[in-house]
């Protein structure tokens, strides 16, 4: 048992030491680490003698929260999928919607929607699904409905980007959820997007919708777990 826990702790330690931290997390991690330090200094100084069990509880809970925040902003090293004839998943998570919808924002008509839900445990870096020219970039203020709510695609705070290349045009939306309170987007109209290159980040759980032209072949299934920059979402040909 001791060897098992020792092995697990070594694995966790190696994981945190070797991973890359996204720059959007520097401030949040710094504040969390400061709070962790202050709370535990006060706890050890004023509670350890009379209530040692409470001191231990405070340490364990705050350490867990600190490690969770660090893990949330992780950027894993991956072998990315580059294929012009494919549309790659822009985010980690689970496929929660595959359906035909009417898009009033950009396509002004029918299109296919594929939505990926990101839990707080997922990687939250967003990547361009395909290469091409950014022809549309629009931020929308909105509500903070839970990310799986049917109206979250049109009523929540969101940031939409459309990219066009020789195969066609797609629209993808970063959508805020009940916990997400900040959408970061690094694209501009006229910019040349590169497939699997980072284009944004969403803090603390949400979803990304990808809107495809009717007739595009969808390569994923409902409830499938996908990886941003790796899983093939759909195919042009």
C-alpha atoms as a PDB file:
ATOM      1  CA  UNK A   1       0.000   0.000   0.000  1.00  0.00           C
ATOM      2  CA  UNK A   2       2.799   2.407   0.908  1.00  0.00           C
ATOM      3  CA  UNK A   3       4.584   1.580  -2.344  1.00  0.00           C
ATOM      4  CA  UNK A   4       1.341   2.214  -4.265  1.00  0.00           C
ATOM      5  CA  UNK A   5       0.819   5.674  -2.761  1.00  0.00           C
ATOM      6  CA  UNK A   6       4.502   6.463  -3.180  1.00  0.00           C
ATOM      7  CA  UNK A   7       4.283   5.527  -6.850  1.00  0.00           C
ATOM      8  CA  UNK A   8       1.114   7.620  -7.328  1.00  0.00           C
ATOM      9  CA  UNK A   9       2.629  10.637  -5.587  1.00  0.00           C
ATOM     10  CA  UNK A  10       5.751  10.405  -7.748  1.00  0.00           C
ATOM     11  CA  UNK A  11       3.548  10.246 -10.850  1.00  0.00           C
ATOM     12  CA  UNK A  12       1.514  13.296  -9.777  1.00  0.00           C
ATOM     13  CA  UNK A  13       4.692  15.215  -8.893  1.00  0.00           C
ATOM     14  CA  UNK A  14       6.235  14.400 -12.278  1.00  0.00           C
ATOM     15  CA  UNK A  15       2.999  15.456 -14.012  1.00  0.00           C
ATOM     16  CA  UNK A  16       2.995  18.914 -12.431  1.00  0.00           C
ATOM     17  CA  UNK A  17       6.737  19.418 -12.883  1.00  0.00           C
ATOM     18  CA  UNK A  18       6.824  18.582 -16.602  1.00  0.00           C
ATOM     19  CA  UNK A  19       3.595  20.175 -17.874  1.00  0.00           C
ATOM     20  CA  UNK A  20       3.370  23.600 -19.504  1.00  0.00           C
ATOM     21  CA  UNK A  21       1.167  26.274 -17.936  1.00  0.00           C
ATOM     22  CA  UNK A  22      -0.928  28.530 -20.175  1.00  0.00           C
ATOM     23  CA  UNK A  23      -0.141  32.234 -19.839  1.00  0.00           C
ATOM     24  CA  UNK A  24      -3.814  32.986 -19.077  1.00  0.00           C
ATOM     25  CA  UNK A  25      -3.322  31.146 -15.790  1.00  0.00           C
ATOM     26  CA  UNK A  26      -0.329  33.026 -14.379  1.00  0.00           C
ATOM     27  CA  UNK A  27      -2.351  35.623 -12.463  1.00  0.00           C
ATOM     28  CA  UNK A  28      -4.995  33.173 -11.224  1.00  0.00           C
ATOM     29  CA  UNK A  29      -2.395  30.656 -10.070  1.00  0.00           C
ATOM     30  CA  UNK A  30      -0.390  33.411  -8.374  1.00  0.00           C
ATOM     31  CA  UNK A  31      -3.417  34.663  -6.425  1.00  0.00           C
ATOM     32  CA  UNK A  32      -4.424  31.104  -5.485  1.00  0.00           C
ATOM     33  CA  UNK A  33      -0.898  30.308  -4.290  1.00  0.00           C
ATOM     34  CA  UNK A  34      -0.841  33.503  -2.207  1.00  0.00           C
ATOM     35  CA  UNK A  35      -4.184  32.631  -0.573  1.00  0.00           C
ATOM     36  CA  UNK A  36      -2.948  29.069   0.012  1.00  0.00           C
ATOM     37  CA  UNK A  37       0.170  30.379   1.745  1.00  0.00           C
ATOM     38  CA  UNK A  38      -1.621  32.940   3.918  1.00  0.00           C
ATOM     39  CA  UNK A  39      -4.369  30.543   5.043  1.00  0.00           C
ATOM     40  CA  UNK A  40      -1.926  27.819   5.974  1.00  0.00           C
ATOM     41  CA  UNK A  41       0.477  30.141   7.798  1.00  0.00           C
ATOM     42  CA  UNK A  42      -2.419  31.451   9.894  1.00  0.00           C
ATOM     43  CA  UNK A  43      -3.742  27.937  10.410  1.00  0.00           C
ATOM     44  CA  UNK A  44      -0.415  26.496  11.588  1.00  0.00           C
ATOM     45  CA  UNK A  45       0.280  29.474  13.837  1.00  0.00           C
ATOM     46  CA  UNK A  46      -3.119  29.758  15.538  1.00  0.00           C
ATOM     47  CA  UNK A  47      -4.873  26.393  15.189  1.00  0.00           C
ATOM     48  CA  UNK A  48      -2.247  23.644  15.120  1.00  0.00           C
ATOM     49  CA  UNK A  49      -1.917  23.379  18.920  1.00  0.00           C
ATOM     50  CA  UNK A  50      -5.606  23.352  19.812  1.00  0.00           C
ATOM     51  CA  UNK A  51      -7.172  21.926  16.646  1.00  0.00           C
ATOM     52  CA  UNK A  52      -4.526  19.966  14.730  1.00  0.00           C
ATOM     53  CA  UNK A  53      -7.183  18.062  12.738  1.00  0.00           C
ATOM     54  CA  UNK A  54      -8.598  21.359  11.433  1.00  0.00           C
ATOM     55  CA  UNK A  55      -5.120  22.505  10.419  1.00  0.00           C
ATOM     56  CA  UNK A  56      -4.631  19.301   8.440  1.00  0.00           C
ATOM     57  CA  UNK A  57      -8.061  19.654   6.808  1.00  0.00           C
ATOM     58  CA  UNK A  58      -7.357  23.240   5.779  1.00  0.00           C
ATOM     59  CA  UNK A  59      -3.993  22.226   4.321  1.00  0.00           C
ATOM     60  CA  UNK A  60      -5.407  19.267   2.354  1.00  0.00           C
ATOM     61  CA  UNK A  61      -8.390  21.220   0.978  1.00  0.00           C
ATOM     62  CA  UNK A  62      -6.373  24.296  -0.023  1.00  0.00           C
ATOM     63  CA  UNK A  63      -3.626  22.128  -1.554  1.00  0.00           C
ATOM     64  CA  UNK A  64      -6.223  20.276  -3.612  1.00  0.00           C
ATOM     65  CA  UNK A  65      -7.678  23.582  -4.837  1.00  0.00           C
ATOM     66  CA  UNK A  66      -4.227  24.917  -5.723  1.00  0.00           C
ATOM     67  CA  UNK A  67      -3.322  21.766  -7.679  1.00  0.00           C
ATOM     68  CA  UNK A  68      -6.703  21.854  -9.422  1.00  0.00           C
ATOM     69  CA  UNK A  69      -6.181  25.457 -10.542  1.00  0.00           C
ATOM     70  CA  UNK A  70      -2.686  24.616 -11.806  1.00  0.00           C
ATOM     71  CA  UNK A  71      -4.050  21.581 -13.648  1.00  0.00           C
ATOM     72  CA  UNK A  72      -6.867  23.640 -15.190  1.00  0.00           C
ATOM     73  CA  UNK A  73      -4.359  25.847 -17.024  1.00  0.00           C
ATOM     74  CA  UNK A  74      -2.227  22.952 -18.265  1.00  0.00           C
ATOM     75  CA  UNK A  75      -1.152  22.726 -21.911  1.00  0.00           C
ATOM     76  CA  UNK A  76      -0.340  19.084 -22.739  1.00  0.00           C
ATOM     77  CA  UNK A  77       2.226  18.068 -25.330  1.00  0.00           C
ATOM     78  CA  UNK A  78       0.426  16.293 -28.167  1.00  0.00           C
ATOM     79  CA  UNK A  79       0.945  15.015 -31.661  1.00  0.00           C
ATOM     80  CA  UNK A  80      -1.466  17.307 -33.510  1.00  0.00           C
ATOM     81  CA  UNK A  81      -3.493  16.278 -36.573  1.00  0.00           C
ATOM     82  CA  UNK A  82      -2.769  18.320 -39.700  1.00  0.00           C
ATOM     83  CA  UNK A  83      -4.941  17.519 -42.735  1.00  0.00           C
ATOM     84  CA  UNK A  84      -6.452  20.155 -45.040  1.00  0.00           C
ATOM     85  CA  UNK A  85      -9.329  17.869 -45.999  1.00  0.00           C
ATOM     86  CA  UNK A  86     -10.338  17.432 -42.341  1.00  0.00           C
ATOM     87  CA  UNK A  87     -11.896  19.676 -39.688  1.00  0.00           C
ATOM     88  CA  UNK A  88     -10.207  19.055 -36.334  1.00  0.00           C
ATOM     89  CA  UNK A  89     -11.819  19.365 -32.894  1.00  0.00           C
ATOM     90  CA  UNK A  90     -11.167  22.854 -31.480  1.00  0.00           C
ATOM     91  CA  UNK A  91     -11.468  21.761 -27.842  1.00  0.00           C
ATOM     92  CA  UNK A  92     -11.169  18.890 -25.390  1.00  0.00           C
ATOM     93  CA  UNK A  93     -14.348  17.452 -23.923  1.00  0.00           C
ATOM     94  CA  UNK A  94     -17.401  15.406 -24.873  1.00  0.00           C
ATOM     95  CA  UNK A  95     -19.611  15.730 -27.948  1.00  0.00           C
ATOM     96  CA  UNK A  96     -23.053  16.746 -26.669  1.00  0.00           C
ATOM     97  CA  UNK A  97     -24.814  17.949 -29.840  1.00  0.00           C
ATOM     98  CA  UNK A  98     -24.861  16.785 -33.465  1.00  0.00           C
ATOM     99  CA  UNK A  99     -27.845  18.281 -35.249  1.00  0.00           C
ATOM    100  CA  UNK A 100     -29.107  20.430 -38.079  1.00  0.00           C
ATOM    101  CA  UNK A 101     -29.883  23.983 -36.965  1.00  0.00           C
ATOM    102  CA  UNK A 102     -30.850  27.377 -38.379  1.00  0.00           C
ATOM    103  CA  UNK A 103     -28.008  29.856 -37.885  1.00  0.00           C
ATOM    104  CA  UNK A 104     -29.180  33.466 -37.776  1.00  0.00           C
ATOM    105  CA  UNK A 105     -25.780  34.959 -36.965  1.00  0.00           C
ATOM    106  CA  UNK A 106     -23.597  34.107 -39.941  1.00  0.00           C
ATOM    107  CA  UNK A 107     -24.850  31.448 -42.375  1.00  0.00           C
ATOM    108  CA  UNK A 108     -28.416  32.826 -42.292  1.00  0.00           C
ATOM    109  CA  UNK A 109     -29.790  29.379 -42.958  1.00  0.00           C
ATOM    110  CA  UNK A 110     -29.427  25.677 -42.264  1.00  0.00           C
ATOM    111  CA  UNK A 111     -26.145  24.176 -41.131  1.00  0.00           C
ATOM    112  CA  UNK A 112     -24.788  21.291 -39.069  1.00  0.00           C
ATOM    113  CA  UNK A 113     -23.894  21.986 -35.446  1.00  0.00           C
ATOM    114  CA  UNK A 114     -21.413  19.884 -33.499  1.00  0.00           C
ATOM    115  CA  UNK A 115     -20.922  20.946 -29.872  1.00  0.00           C
ATOM    116  CA  UNK A 116     -18.143  19.929 -27.487  1.00  0.00           C
ATOM    117  CA  UNK A 117     -18.762  20.380 -23.761  1.00  0.00           C
ATOM    118  CA  UNK A 118     -15.693  21.152 -21.636  1.00  0.00           C
ATOM    119  CA  UNK A 119     -15.864  20.249 -17.956  1.00  0.00           C
ATOM    120  CA  UNK A 120     -13.609  22.062 -15.443  1.00  0.00           C
ATOM    121  CA  UNK A 121     -11.306  19.014 -15.592  1.00  0.00           C
ATOM    122  CA  UNK A 122     -10.670  19.345 -19.342  1.00  0.00           C
ATOM    123  CA  UNK A 123      -7.885  21.243 -21.094  1.00  0.00           C
ATOM    124  CA  UNK A 124      -9.363  24.655 -21.974  1.00  0.00           C
ATOM    125  CA  UNK A 125      -7.034  25.793 -24.721  1.00  0.00           C
ATOM    126  CA  UNK A 126      -8.928  26.239 -28.027  1.00  0.00           C
ATOM    127  CA  UNK A 127      -7.396  25.474 -31.423  1.00  0.00           C
ATOM    128  CA  UNK A 128      -8.333  26.387 -35.000  1.00  0.00           C
ATOM    129  CA  UNK A 129     -10.226  23.479 -36.614  1.00  0.00           C
ATOM    130  CA  UNK A 130      -8.817  24.298 -40.055  1.00  0.00           C
ATOM    131  CA  UNK A 131      -6.511  26.656 -41.910  1.00  0.00           C
ATOM    132  CA  UNK A 132      -7.834  29.617 -43.873  1.00  0.00           C
ATOM    133  CA  UNK A 133      -8.683  33.311 -43.703  1.00  0.00           C
ATOM    134  CA  UNK A 134     -10.591  34.692 -40.729  1.00  0.00           C
ATOM    135  CA  UNK A 135     -13.545  36.455 -42.371  1.00  0.00           C
ATOM    136  CA  UNK A 136     -15.711  37.037 -39.295  1.00  0.00           C
ATOM    137  CA  UNK A 137     -14.936  37.728 -35.637  1.00  0.00           C
ATOM    138  CA  UNK A 138     -17.635  38.874 -33.252  1.00  0.00           C
ATOM    139  CA  UNK A 139     -18.009  39.017 -29.476  1.00  0.00           C
ATOM    140  CA  UNK A 140     -21.539  38.813 -28.034  1.00  0.00           C
ATOM    141  CA  UNK A 141     -22.523  39.733 -24.505  1.00  0.00           C
ATOM    142  CA  UNK A 142     -25.082  37.400 -22.977  1.00  0.00           C
ATOM    143  CA  UNK A 143     -26.312  35.188 -20.184  1.00  0.00           C
ATOM    144  CA  UNK A 144     -24.504  32.470 -18.237  1.00  0.00           C
ATOM    145  CA  UNK A 145     -26.850  29.513 -18.652  1.00  0.00           C
ATOM    146  CA  UNK A 146     -25.359  26.086 -17.999  1.00  0.00           C
ATOM    147  CA  UNK A 147     -23.306  25.102 -21.029  1.00  0.00           C
ATOM    148  CA  UNK A 148     -25.530  22.148 -21.972  1.00  0.00           C
ATOM    149  CA  UNK A 149     -28.694  24.297 -22.057  1.00  0.00           C
ATOM    150  CA  UNK A 150     -30.192  24.305 -25.613  1.00  0.00           C
ATOM    151  CA  UNK A 151     -30.322  28.124 -25.671  1.00  0.00           C
ATOM    152  CA  UNK A 152     -26.722  28.638 -24.516  1.00  0.00           C
ATOM    153  CA  UNK A 153     -25.536  28.712 -28.162  1.00  0.00           C
ATOM    154  CA  UNK A 154     -27.582  31.829 -28.909  1.00  0.00           C
ATOM    155  CA  UNK A 155     -28.189  33.500 -25.534  1.00  0.00           C
ATOM    156  CA  UNK A 156     -24.967  33.034 -23.556  1.00  0.00           C
ATOM    157  CA  UNK A 157     -21.900  35.231 -23.722  1.00  0.00           C
ATOM    158  CA  UNK A 158     -19.962  33.960 -26.725  1.00  0.00           C
ATOM    159  CA  UNK A 159     -17.270  34.725 -29.273  1.00  0.00           C
ATOM    160  CA  UNK A 160     -17.771  33.629 -32.875  1.00  0.00           C
ATOM    161  CA  UNK A 161     -15.098  33.150 -35.532  1.00  0.00           C
ATOM    162  CA  UNK A 162     -15.596  32.169 -39.178  1.00  0.00           C
ATOM    163  CA  UNK A 163     -12.770  30.830 -41.333  1.00  0.00           C
ATOM    164  CA  UNK A 164     -12.840  30.247 -45.080  1.00  0.00           C
ATOM    165  CA  UNK A 165     -10.553  28.177 -47.302  1.00  0.00           C
ATOM    166  CA  UNK A 166     -10.769  26.386 -50.649  1.00  0.00           C
ATOM    167  CA  UNK A 167     -13.008  23.673 -49.209  1.00  0.00           C
ATOM    168  CA  UNK A 168     -15.593  25.925 -47.590  1.00  0.00           C
ATOM    169  CA  UNK A 169     -16.457  28.079 -44.585  1.00  0.00           C
ATOM    170  CA  UNK A 170     -17.109  27.108 -40.974  1.00  0.00           C
ATOM    171  CA  UNK A 171     -18.148  29.075 -37.905  1.00  0.00           C
ATOM    172  CA  UNK A 172     -17.011  28.179 -34.407  1.00  0.00           C
ATOM    173  CA  UNK A 173     -18.179  29.693 -31.145  1.00  0.00           C
ATOM    174  CA  UNK A 174     -16.604  29.851 -27.716  1.00  0.00           C
ATOM    175  CA  UNK A 175     -19.570  29.850 -25.339  1.00  0.00           C
ATOM    176  CA  UNK A 176     -19.480  30.841 -21.678  1.00  0.00           C
ATOM    177  CA  UNK A 177     -21.248  28.640 -19.130  1.00  0.00           C
ATOM    178  CA  UNK A 178     -22.501  28.945 -15.568  1.00  0.00           C
ATOM    179  CA  UNK A 179     -18.933  28.926 -14.212  1.00  0.00           C
ATOM    180  CA  UNK A 180     -17.063  30.430 -17.151  1.00  0.00           C
ATOM    181  CA  UNK A 181     -16.680  34.178 -16.762  1.00  0.00           C
ATOM    182  CA  UNK A 182     -13.988  34.986 -19.267  1.00  0.00           C
ATOM    183  CA  UNK A 183     -13.561  34.113 -22.926  1.00  0.00           C
ATOM    184  CA  UNK A 184     -10.151  34.869 -24.429  1.00  0.00           C
ATOM    185  CA  UNK A 185      -9.932  35.122 -28.214  1.00  0.00           C
ATOM    186  CA  UNK A 186      -6.785  35.981 -30.170  1.00  0.00           C
ATOM    187  CA  UNK A 187      -8.112  36.216 -33.754  1.00  0.00           C
ATOM    188  CA  UNK A 188      -8.713  39.177 -36.060  1.00  0.00           C
ATOM    189  CA  UNK A 189     -10.530  39.526 -39.373  1.00  0.00           C
ATOM    190  CA  UNK A 190      -8.062  39.110 -42.246  1.00  0.00           C
ATOM    191  CA  UNK A 191      -5.716  36.951 -40.203  1.00  0.00           C
ATOM    192  CA  UNK A 192      -4.517  33.636 -41.678  1.00  0.00           C
ATOM    193  CA  UNK A 193      -5.568  30.876 -39.297  1.00  0.00           C
ATOM    194  CA  UNK A 194      -3.434  27.756 -39.133  1.00  0.00           C
ATOM    195  CA  UNK A 195      -5.005  24.410 -38.361  1.00  0.00           C
ATOM    196  CA  UNK A 196      -4.544  23.290 -34.701  1.00  0.00           C
ATOM    197  CA  UNK A 197      -2.871  26.587 -33.764  1.00  0.00           C
ATOM    198  CA  UNK A 198      -4.201  28.179 -30.576  1.00  0.00           C
ATOM    199  CA  UNK A 199      -6.884  30.824 -31.087  1.00  0.00           C
ATOM    200  CA  UNK A 200      -8.375  31.202 -27.608  1.00  0.00           C
ATOM    201  CA  UNK A 201      -9.025  30.025 -24.077  1.00  0.00           C
ATOM    202  CA  UNK A 202     -12.160  29.744 -21.895  1.00  0.00           C
ATOM    203  CA  UNK A 203     -11.847  29.876 -18.121  1.00  0.00           C
ATOM    204  CA  UNK A 204     -13.649  27.329 -15.931  1.00  0.00           C
ATOM    205  CA  UNK A 205     -15.834  25.094 -18.025  1.00  0.00           C
ATOM    206  CA  UNK A 206     -18.007  25.744 -21.073  1.00  0.00           C
ATOM    207  CA  UNK A 207     -18.481  24.565 -24.650  1.00  0.00           C
ATOM    208  CA  UNK A 208     -17.443  25.175 -28.233  1.00  0.00           C
ATOM    209  CA  UNK A 209     -19.933  24.926 -31.114  1.00  0.00           C
ATOM    210  CA  UNK A 210     -18.738  24.219 -34.642  1.00  0.00           C
ATOM    211  CA  UNK A 211     -21.193  25.090 -37.425  1.00  0.00           C
ATOM    212  CA  UNK A 212     -20.596  23.260 -40.708  1.00  0.00           C
ATOM    213  CA  UNK A 213     -22.167  23.500 -44.154  1.00  0.00           C
ATOM    214  CA  UNK A 214     -24.933  20.974 -44.853  1.00  0.00           C
ATOM    215  CA  UNK A 215     -23.430  17.865 -46.454  1.00  0.00           C
ATOM    216  CA  UNK A 216     -20.194  17.924 -44.466  1.00  0.00           C
ATOM    217  CA  UNK A 217     -19.328  14.439 -43.189  1.00  0.00           C
ATOM    218  CA  UNK A 218     -19.285  14.317 -39.367  1.00  0.00           C
ATOM    219  CA  UNK A 219     -16.656  11.909 -38.000  1.00  0.00           C
ATOM    220  CA  UNK A 220     -17.612  11.967 -34.309  1.00  0.00           C
ATOM    221  CA  UNK A 221     -20.544  10.537 -32.370  1.00  0.00           C
ATOM    222  CA  UNK A 222     -22.665  11.776 -29.483  1.00  0.00           C
ATOM    223  CA  UNK A 223     -20.980  11.355 -26.071  1.00  0.00           C
ATOM    224  CA  UNK A 224     -17.611  10.698 -27.696  1.00  0.00           C
ATOM    225  CA  UNK A 225     -14.650  12.068 -25.756  1.00  0.00           C
ATOM    226  CA  UNK A 226     -12.492  14.219 -28.039  1.00  0.00           C
ATOM    227  CA  UNK A 227      -9.151  16.021 -27.881  1.00  0.00           C
ATOM    228  CA  UNK A 228      -8.547  19.521 -29.215  1.00  0.00           C
ATOM    229  CA  UNK A 229      -6.106  19.571 -32.103  1.00  0.00           C
ATOM    230  CA  UNK A 230      -6.127  15.766 -32.377  1.00  0.00           C
ATOM    231  CA  UNK A 231      -9.594  14.264 -33.010  1.00  0.00           C
ATOM    232  CA  UNK A 232     -11.037  14.586 -36.521  1.00  0.00           C
ATOM    233  CA  UNK A 233     -14.420  16.285 -36.102  1.00  0.00           C
ATOM    234  CA  UNK A 234     -15.566  16.252 -39.736  1.00  0.00           C
ATOM    235  CA  UNK A 235     -14.331  15.807 -43.309  1.00  0.00           C
ATOM    236  CA  UNK A 236     -14.713  17.926 -46.414  1.00  0.00           C
ATOM    237  CA  UNK A 237     -14.173  15.014 -48.781  1.00  0.00           C
END
